[in-house]
N, C-alpha and C. Protein backbone atom coordinates (compact mmCIF):
# COMPACT_ATOMS: atom_id res chain seq x y z
N MET A 1 21.63 -0.14 -13.22
CA MET A 1 20.47 -0.70 -13.93
C MET A 1 19.35 -1.01 -12.94
N LYS A 2 19.74 -1.58 -11.80
CA LYS A 2 18.73 -1.96 -10.81
C LYS A 2 17.98 -0.73 -10.30
N SER A 3 18.70 0.36 -10.08
CA SER A 3 18.05 1.58 -9.57
C SER A 3 17.06 2.14 -10.58
N ILE A 4 17.35 1.98 -11.88
CA ILE A 4 16.43 2.46 -12.92
C ILE A 4 15.13 1.66 -12.84
N LEU A 5 15.25 0.34 -12.70
CA LEU A 5 14.06 -0.51 -12.60
C LEU A 5 13.25 -0.18 -11.36
N ILE A 6 13.94 0.05 -10.25
CA ILE A 6 13.25 0.43 -9.01
C ILE A 6 12.51 1.75 -9.21
N GLY A 7 13.18 2.70 -9.84
CA GLY A 7 12.56 4.00 -10.12
C GLY A 7 11.32 3.87 -10.99
N LEU A 8 11.41 3.04 -12.03
CA LEU A 8 10.25 2.80 -12.90
C LEU A 8 9.11 2.15 -12.13
N GLY A 9 9.46 1.19 -11.30
CA GLY A 9 8.44 0.50 -10.49
C GLY A 9 7.73 1.47 -9.56
N VAL A 10 8.49 2.31 -8.89
CA VAL A 10 7.91 3.30 -7.98
C VAL A 10 7.03 4.28 -8.77
N GLY A 11 7.51 4.71 -9.91
CA GLY A 11 6.74 5.62 -10.77
C GLY A 11 5.42 5.02 -11.18
N LEU A 12 5.45 3.75 -11.59
CA LEU A 12 4.21 3.06 -12.00
C LEU A 12 3.23 2.97 -10.84
N VAL A 13 3.74 2.62 -9.67
CA VAL A 13 2.88 2.50 -8.49
C VAL A 13 2.21 3.84 -8.19
N ILE A 14 2.99 4.93 -8.26
CA ILE A 14 2.45 6.27 -7.98
C ILE A 14 1.39 6.64 -9.02
N ILE A 15 1.67 6.37 -10.30
CA ILE A 15 0.73 6.70 -11.37
C ILE A 15 -0.57 5.90 -11.21
N ILE A 16 -0.43 4.59 -10.99
CA ILE A 16 -1.61 3.73 -10.85
C ILE A 16 -2.39 4.12 -9.59
N GLY A 17 -1.68 4.40 -8.51
CA GLY A 17 -2.33 4.84 -7.28
C GLY A 17 -3.10 6.13 -7.48
N GLY A 18 -2.50 7.08 -8.17
CA GLY A 18 -3.18 8.34 -8.46
C GLY A 18 -4.40 8.14 -9.33
N PHE A 19 -4.28 7.24 -10.30
CA PHE A 19 -5.39 6.95 -11.20
C PHE A 19 -6.57 6.35 -10.43
N ILE A 20 -6.27 5.40 -9.53
CA ILE A 20 -7.31 4.77 -8.71
C ILE A 20 -7.95 5.81 -7.80
N ALA A 21 -7.14 6.69 -7.22
CA ALA A 21 -7.67 7.74 -6.35
C ALA A 21 -8.60 8.67 -7.13
N LEU A 22 -8.20 9.03 -8.35
CA LEU A 22 -9.05 9.89 -9.19
C LEU A 22 -10.36 9.20 -9.53
N LEU A 23 -10.29 7.91 -9.86
CA LEU A 23 -11.50 7.15 -10.18
C LEU A 23 -12.41 7.10 -8.96
N GLY A 24 -11.84 6.86 -7.80
CA GLY A 24 -12.62 6.81 -6.57
C GLY A 24 -13.31 8.12 -6.29
N MET A 25 -12.58 9.24 -6.47
CA MET A 25 -13.16 10.56 -6.24
C MET A 25 -14.26 10.85 -7.25
N ALA A 26 -14.03 10.50 -8.52
CA ALA A 26 -15.02 10.74 -9.56
C ALA A 26 -16.28 9.92 -9.28
N ASP A 27 -16.07 8.70 -8.80
CA ASP A 27 -17.18 7.81 -8.47
C ASP A 27 -18.02 8.39 -7.33
N ALA A 28 -17.36 8.92 -6.33
CA ALA A 28 -18.06 9.47 -5.16
C ALA A 28 -18.84 10.72 -5.53
N ASN A 29 -18.33 11.51 -6.47
CA ASN A 29 -18.97 12.77 -6.85
C ASN A 29 -19.95 12.62 -8.02
N ALA A 30 -19.98 11.45 -8.64
CA ALA A 30 -20.83 11.27 -9.81
C ALA A 30 -22.30 11.26 -9.40
N PRO A 31 -23.14 11.98 -10.14
CA PRO A 31 -24.58 11.92 -9.84
C PRO A 31 -25.15 10.56 -10.21
N ALA A 32 -26.29 10.22 -9.64
CA ALA A 32 -26.93 8.94 -9.94
C ALA A 32 -27.32 8.91 -11.42
N PRO A 33 -27.32 7.73 -12.03
CA PRO A 33 -27.68 7.63 -13.47
C PRO A 33 -29.04 8.27 -13.78
N GLU A 34 -30.00 8.16 -12.86
CA GLU A 34 -31.33 8.75 -13.09
C GLU A 34 -31.20 10.27 -13.26
N GLU A 35 -30.39 10.90 -12.42
CA GLU A 35 -30.21 12.35 -12.50
C GLU A 35 -29.59 12.74 -13.85
N VAL A 36 -28.64 11.95 -14.30
CA VAL A 36 -27.99 12.24 -15.59
C VAL A 36 -29.02 12.14 -16.70
N ARG A 37 -29.86 11.10 -16.66
CA ARG A 37 -30.88 10.90 -17.69
C ARG A 37 -31.84 12.07 -17.75
N VAL A 38 -32.28 12.56 -16.59
CA VAL A 38 -33.20 13.69 -16.54
C VAL A 38 -32.56 14.91 -17.18
N GLU A 39 -31.29 15.16 -16.85
CA GLU A 39 -30.60 16.33 -17.42
C GLU A 39 -30.45 16.20 -18.93
N VAL A 40 -30.15 15.01 -19.41
CA VAL A 40 -29.97 14.79 -20.86
C VAL A 40 -31.29 15.00 -21.58
N THR A 41 -32.39 14.43 -21.06
CA THR A 41 -33.69 14.58 -21.72
C THR A 41 -34.14 16.04 -21.68
N ASP A 42 -33.88 16.74 -20.58
CA ASP A 42 -34.22 18.17 -20.50
C ASP A 42 -33.46 18.94 -21.59
N ALA A 43 -32.18 18.63 -21.75
CA ALA A 43 -31.36 19.32 -22.74
C ALA A 43 -31.88 19.03 -24.15
N LEU A 44 -32.29 17.81 -24.41
CA LEU A 44 -32.80 17.44 -25.74
C LEU A 44 -34.13 18.12 -26.02
N LEU A 45 -34.99 18.24 -25.00
CA LEU A 45 -36.31 18.86 -25.18
C LEU A 45 -36.18 20.35 -25.46
N ASP A 46 -35.16 20.99 -24.89
CA ASP A 46 -34.94 22.42 -25.15
C ASP A 46 -34.55 22.58 -26.61
C-alpha cells in the first residue's frame, strides 16, 4: 500500500512539474499583449 502512495506522489510531482514547465515555456514564447491586439484587429478589419 505504501509503495502505491509513493508512486502516486511521484506521479503527481512529475505531472505538476511538467505543467509548470509548459506554462513557463508558453509564457516565455508568448507575444506581448499589444502584438496580439494588433493581429486581432487586423484579422477583424479583413
